[in-house]
PDB file of N, CA and C in Angstrom:
ATOM      1  N   MET A   1      37.503   9.077 153.367  1.00  0.00           N
ATOM      2  CA  MET A   1      36.727   9.419 154.099  1.00  0.00           C
ATOM      3  C   MET A   1      35.182   8.819 154.667  1.00  0.00           C
ATOM      4  N   LYS A   2      34.779   8.125 155.665  1.00  0.00           N
ATOM      5  CA  LYS A   2      33.404   7.507 155.600  1.00  0.00           C
ATOM      6  C   LYS A   2      32.696   8.208 156.209  1.00  0.00           C
ATOM      7  N   ARG A   3      31.059   8.083 156.259  1.00  0.00           N
ATOM      8  CA  ARG A   3      30.169   8.725 156.106  1.00  0.00           C
ATOM      9  C   ARG A   3      29.852   7.753 157.648  1.00  0.00           C
ATOM     10  N   LEU A   4      28.637   9.107 158.078  1.00  0.00           N
ATOM     11  CA  LEU A   4      27.595   7.938 158.690  1.00  0.00           C
ATOM     12  C   LEU A   4      26.551   7.615 157.952  1.00  0.00           C
ATOM     13  N   VAL A   5      25.804   6.660 157.666  1.00  0.00           N
ATOM     14  CA  VAL A   5      24.129   6.060 157.304  1.00  0.00           C
ATOM     15  C   VAL A   5      22.985   5.604 158.092  1.00  0.00           C
ATOM     16  N   HIS A   6      22.423   6.641 158.312  1.00  0.00           N
ATOM     17  CA  HIS A   6      20.915   6.313 158.790  1.00  0.00           C
ATOM     18  C   HIS A   6      20.489   5.371 158.520  1.00  0.00           C
ATOM     19  N   ASP A   7      20.136   4.004 159.206  1.00  0.00           N
ATOM     20  CA  ASP A   7      19.230   2.845 158.447  1.00  0.00           C
ATOM     21  C   ASP A   7      17.565   3.504 158.329  1.00  0.00           C
ATOM     22  N   GLY A   8      17.006   4.596 159.900  1.00  0.00           N
ATOM     23  CA  GLY A   8      15.837   3.961 159.916  1.00  0.00           C
ATOM     24  C   GLY A   8      16.310   3.316 161.269  1.00  0.00           C
ATOM     25  N   LYS A   9      17.566   2.876 161.625  1.00  0.00           N
ATOM     26  CA  LYS A   9      17.274   1.926 162.639  1.00  0.00           C
ATOM     27  C   LYS A   9      18.873   2.114 163.725  1.00  0.00           C
ATOM     28  N   LYS A  10      20.075   2.689 162.705  1.00  0.00           N
ATOM     29  CA  LYS A  10      21.386   2.701 164.158  1.00  0.00           C
ATOM     30  C   LYS A  10      22.404   3.447 162.456  1.00  0.00           C
ATOM     31  N   ALA A  11      22.900   3.930 162.792  1.00  0.00           N
ATOM     32  CA  ALA A  11      23.875   4.511 161.577  1.00  0.00           C
ATOM     33  C   ALA A  11      24.957   3.413 161.528  1.00  0.00           C
ATOM     34  N   LYS A  12      25.476   3.672 160.010  1.00  0.00           N
ATOM     35  CA  LYS A  12      26.486   2.426 159.636  1.00  0.00           C
ATOM     36  C   LYS A  12      27.736   3.278 158.973  1.00  0.00           C
ATOM     37  N   GLN A  13      28.846   3.043 158.725  1.00  0.00           N
ATOM     38  CA  GLN A  13      29.289   4.085 158.367  1.00  0.00           C
ATOM     39  C   GLN A  13      29.777   3.410 156.802  1.00  0.00           C
ATOM     40  N   GLU A  14      29.771   4.457 156.288  1.00  0.00           N
ATOM     41  CA  GLU A  14      30.465   3.774 154.343  1.00  0.00           C
ATOM     42  C   GLU A  14      30.928   4.879 153.986  1.00  0.00           C
ATOM     43  N   SER A  15      31.570   3.737 153.189  1.00  0.00           N
ATOM     44  CA  SER A  15      33.493   4.571 152.428  1.00  0.00           C
ATOM     45  C   SER A  15      32.388   5.806 151.460  1.00  0.00           C
ATOM     46  N   GLN A  16      33.389   6.304 150.302  1.00  0.00           N
ATOM     47  CA  GLN A  16      32.906   7.605 149.594  1.00  0.00           C
ATOM     48  C   GLN A  16      32.547   6.251 148.706  1.00  0.00           C
ATOM     49  N   GLU A  17      33.455   5.065 148.350  1.00  0.00           N
ATOM     50  CA  GLU A  17      32.846   3.527 146.966  1.00  0.00           C
ATOM     51  C   GLU A  17      31.302   3.778 147.263  1.00  0.00           C
ATOM     52  N   ASP A  18      31.408   3.757 148.332  1.00  0.00           N
ATOM     53  CA  ASP A  18      30.173   2.158 148.654  1.00  0.00           C
ATOM     54  C   ASP A  18      28.926   3.988 148.814  1.00  0.00           C
ATOM     55  N   GLN A  19      29.000   5.175 149.038  1.00  0.00           N
ATOM     56  CA  GLN A  19      28.162   5.946 149.279  1.00  0.00           C
ATOM     57  C   GLN A  19      27.757   5.701 147.764  1.00  0.00           C
ATOM     58  N   SER A  20      28.487   6.269 147.212  1.00  0.00           N
ATOM     59  CA  SER A  20      28.806   6.437 145.208  1.00  0.00           C
ATOM     60  C   SER A  20      28.243   5.153 144.056  1.00  0.00           C
ATOM     61  N   GLU A  21      28.371   4.054 144.744  1.00  0.00           N
ATOM     62  CA  GLU A  21      27.365   2.876 144.792  1.00  0.00           C
ATOM     63  C   GLU A  21      26.402   3.413 144.626  1.00  0.00           C
ATOM     64  N   ARG A  22      25.925   3.027 146.186  1.00  0.00           N
ATOM     65  CA  ARG A  22      24.551   3.460 147.022  1.00  0.00           C
ATOM     66  C   ARG A  22      23.391   3.862 145.628  1.00  0.00           C
ATOM     67  N   PHE A  23      24.097   5.781 145.869  1.00  0.00           N
ATOM     68  CA  PHE A  23      23.791   6.085 145.057  1.00  0.00           C
ATOM     69  C   PHE A  23      23.370   5.820 143.331  1.00  0.00           C
ATOM     70  N   GLY A  24      24.421   4.968 142.674  1.00  0.00           N
ATOM     71  CA  GLY A  24      23.740   4.953 141.177  1.00  0.00           C
ATOM     72  C   GLY A  24      23.224   4.580 141.199  1.00  0.00           C
ATOM     73  N   LYS A  25      22.816   3.246 142.470  1.00  0.00           N
ATOM     74  CA  LYS A  25      21.987   2.145 142.144  1.00  0.00           C
ATOM     75  C   LYS A  25      20.756   2.968 142.284  1.00  0.00           C
ATOM     76  N   LEU A  26      20.043   4.404 143.701  1.00  0.00           N
ATOM     77  CA  LEU A  26      18.827   4.792 143.558  1.00  0.00           C
ATOM     78  C   LEU A  26      18.494   5.256 141.979  1.00  0.00           C
ATOM     79  N   VAL A  27      19.493   5.889 141.602  1.00  0.00           N
ATOM     80  CA  VAL A  27      19.699   7.679 140.840  1.00  0.00           C
ATOM     81  C   VAL A  27      19.217   6.394 139.176  1.00  0.00           C
ATOM     82  N   GLN A  28      19.686   4.629 139.035  1.00  0.00           N
ATOM     83  CA  GLN A  28      19.154   3.837 138.586  1.00  0.00           C
ATOM     84  C   GLN A  28      17.550   3.114 138.166  1.00  0.00           C
ATOM     85  N   ASP A  29      17.159   3.416 139.302  1.00  0.00           N
ATOM     86  CA  ASP A  29      16.177   2.662 140.265  1.00  0.00           C
ATOM     87  C   ASP A  29      14.738   3.908 139.227  1.00  0.00           C
ATOM     88  N   MET A  30      15.921   4.464 139.413  1.00  0.00           N
ATOM     89  CA  MET A  30      14.668   5.990 139.743  1.00  0.00           C
ATOM     90  C   MET A  30      14.823   6.435 137.980  1.00  0.00           C
ATOM     91  N   VAL A  31      15.323   5.927 136.638  1.00  0.00           N
ATOM     92  CA  VAL A  31      15.591   6.313 135.585  1.00  0.00           C
ATOM     93  C   VAL A  31      14.032   5.053 135.478  1.00  0.00           C
ATOM     94  N   ASP A  32      14.757   3.801 135.589  1.00  0.00           N
ATOM     95  CA  ASP A  32      13.816   2.685 135.125  1.00  0.00           C
ATOM     96  C   ASP A  32      12.393   2.768 135.701  1.00  0.00           C
ATOM     97  N   ALA A  33      12.062   3.656 136.720  1.00  0.00           N
ATOM     98  CA  ALA A  33      10.551   3.303 137.305  1.00  0.00           C
ATOM     99  C   ALA A  33      10.164   4.964 136.167  1.00  0.00           C
ATOM    100  N   GLY A  34      11.162   5.107 136.059  1.00  0.00           N
ATOM    101  CA  GLY A  34      10.177   6.827 134.843  1.00  0.00           C
ATOM    102  C   GLY A  34      10.004   8.116 135.649  1.00  0.00           C
ATOM    103  N   GLU A  35      10.458   7.879 136.718  1.00  0.00           N
ATOM    104  CA  GLU A  35      10.751   9.068 137.710  1.00  0.00           C
ATOM    105  C   GLU A  35      12.242   9.776 137.271  1.00  0.00           C
ATOM    106  N   LEU A  36      12.665   9.923 136.841  1.00  0.00           N
ATOM    107  CA  LEU A  36      13.799  10.610 136.076  1.00  0.00           C
ATOM    108  C   LEU A  36      14.116  10.019 135.053  1.00  0.00           C
ATOM    109  N   ASN A  37      14.444  11.621 134.100  1.00  0.00           N
ATOM    110  CA  ASN A  37      14.533  11.505 132.839  1.00  0.00           C
ATOM    111  C   ASN A  37      16.069  12.278 132.754  1.00  0.00           C
ATOM    112  N   PRO A  38      17.133  11.155 132.840  1.00  0.00           N
ATOM    113  CA  PRO A  38      18.493  12.294 132.348  1.00  0.00           C
ATOM    114  C   PRO A  38      19.470  13.186 132.019  1.00  0.00           C
ATOM    115  N   ALA A  39      18.530  13.435 130.494  1.00  0.00           N
ATOM    116  CA  ALA A  39      18.111  14.271 129.874  1.00  0.00           C
ATOM    117  C   ALA A  39      17.868  15.347 130.715  1.00  0.00           C
ATOM    118  N   GLU A  40      16.412  15.328 131.393  1.00  0.00           N
ATOM    119  CA  GLU A  40      15.853  16.645 131.639  1.00  0.00           C
ATOM    120  C   GLU A  40      17.213  16.776 132.638  1.00  0.00           C
ATOM    121  N   ALA A  41      17.470  15.740 133.920  1.00  0.00           N
ATOM    122  CA  ALA A  41      18.208  16.334 134.828  1.00  0.00           C
ATOM    123  C   ALA A  41      19.322  17.352 134.633  1.00  0.00           C
ATOM    124  N   GLN A  42      19.995  16.713 133.111  1.00  0.00           N
ATOM    125  CA  GLN A  42      21.063  17.391 132.279  1.00  0.00           C
ATOM    126  C   GLN A  42      21.718  18.304 132.327  1.00  0.00           C
ATOM    127  N   ASP A  43      20.336  19.154 131.708  1.00  0.00           N
ATOM    128  CA  ASP A  43      19.234  20.710 131.577  1.00  0.00           C
ATOM    129  C   ASP A  43      19.425  21.436 132.964  1.00  0.00           C
ATOM    130  N   ARG A  44      18.896  20.528 133.362  1.00  0.00           N
ATOM    131  CA  ARG A  44      17.992  21.626 134.988  1.00  0.00           C
ATOM    132  C   ARG A  44      19.379  22.376 135.720  1.00  0.00           C
ATOM    133  N   PHE A  45      20.052  20.663 135.916  1.00  0.00           N
ATOM    134  CA  PHE A  45      21.573  21.192 136.794  1.00  0.00           C
ATOM    135  C   PHE A  45      22.153  22.053 135.815  1.00  0.00           C
ATOM    136  N   GLU A  46      22.356  22.139 134.770  1.00  0.00           N
ATOM    137  CA  GLU A  46      22.600  22.964 133.867  1.00  0.00           C
ATOM    138  C   GLU A  46      22.773  24.847 134.620  1.00  0.00           C
ATOM    139  N   GLN A  47      21.362  24.728 133.874  1.00  0.00           N
ATOM    140  CA  GLN A  47      20.733  25.857 134.686  1.00  0.00           C
ATOM    141  C   GLN A  47      21.011  26.405 135.747  1.00  0.00           C
ATOM    142  N   MET A  48      20.630  25.211 136.577  1.00  0.00           N
ATOM    143  CA  MET A  48      21.154  26.102 138.349  1.00  0.00           C
ATOM    144  C   MET A  48      22.896  26.269 138.168  1.00  0.00           C
ATOM    145  N   MET A  49      23.465  25.803 137.692  1.00  0.00           N
ATOM    146  CA  MET A  49      25.160  26.239 137.437  1.00  0.00           C
ATOM    147  C   MET A  49      25.029  27.695 137.307  1.00  0.00           C
ATOM    148  N   GLN A  50      24.296  27.524 136.153  1.00  0.00           N
ATOM    149  CA  GLN A  50      24.540  29.496 135.568  1.00  0.00           C
ATOM    150  C   GLN A  50      24.206  29.625 136.149  1.00  0.00           C
ATOM    151  N   LYS A  51      22.990  30.340 137.350  1.00  0.00           N
ATOM    152  CA  LYS A  51      21.929  30.618 138.525  1.00  0.00           C
ATOM    153  C   LYS A  51      23.440  31.143 139.651  1.00  0.00           C
ATOM    154  N   LEU A  52      24.078  30.228 140.271  1.00  0.00           N
ATOM    155  CA  LEU A  52      24.944  29.939 140.766  1.00  0.00           C
ATOM    156  C   LEU A  52      26.071  30.354 140.800  1.00  0.00           C
ATOM    157  N   ALA A  53      26.454  30.501 138.811  1.00  0.00           N
ATOM    158  CA  ALA A  53      28.272  31.353 138.762  1.00  0.00           C
ATOM    159  C   ALA A  53      28.363  32.150 139.005  1.00  0.00           C
ATOM    160  N   PRO A  54      27.366  33.447 138.850  1.00  0.00           N
ATOM    161  CA  PRO A  54      27.557  34.888 139.087  1.00  0.00           C
ATOM    162  C   PRO A  54      27.913  34.890 140.672  1.00  0.00           C
ATOM    163  N   LEU A  55      27.047  34.139 141.672  1.00  0.00           N
ATOM    164  CA  LEU A  55      27.177  34.412 142.520  1.00  0.00           C
ATOM    165  C   LEU A  55      28.317  34.519 143.741  1.00  0.00           C
ATOM    166  N   ASP A  56      28.881  32.856 142.698  1.00  0.00           N
ATOM    167  CA  ASP A  56      30.384  32.642 143.223  1.00  0.00           C
ATOM    168  C   ASP A  56      31.479  33.808 142.934  1.00  0.00           C
ATOM    169  N   VAL A  57      31.206  33.900 141.669  1.00  0.00           N
ATOM    170  CA  VAL A  57      32.293  35.561 141.426  1.00  0.00           C
ATOM    171  C   VAL A  57      31.896  36.388 142.777  1.00  0.00           C
ATOM    172  N   GLU A  58      31.165  36.993 143.030  1.00  0.00           N
ATOM    173  CA  GLU A  58      30.387  37.811 143.749  1.00  0.00           C
ATOM    174  C   GLU A  58      31.392  37.893 144.836  1.00  0.00           C
ATOM    175  N   VAL A  59      31.064  36.522 145.408  1.00  0.00           N
ATOM    176  CA  VAL A  59      31.163  35.653 147.318  1.00  0.00           C
ATOM    177  C   VAL A  59      32.907  35.678 146.761  1.00  0.00           C
ATOM    178  N   ARG A  60      33.239  35.345 146.003  1.00  0.00           N
ATOM    179  CA  ARG A  60      34.882  35.972 145.838  1.00  0.00           C
ATOM    180  C   ARG A  60      35.267  36.894 145.621  1.00  0.00           C
ATOM    181  N   ASN A  61      34.782  37.853 144.961  1.00  0.00           N
ATOM    182  CA  ASN A  61      35.534  39.414 145.092  1.00  0.00           C
ATOM    183  C   ASN A  61      35.468  40.043 146.319  1.00  0.00           C
TER     184      ASN A  61
END
């Protein structure tokens, strides 16, 4: 599936592979700049999922 990406000028189509590659580069840039700690990000993601899991069960019932 192609997605539209706005680069500030006009929208362009981007494949899932291209989007994933672009995201990976942005994440690595943040890690390199000291703006993102992968271990901390993983911990926070897991905490969020723990909070959302009970909500998912309620919605499905």
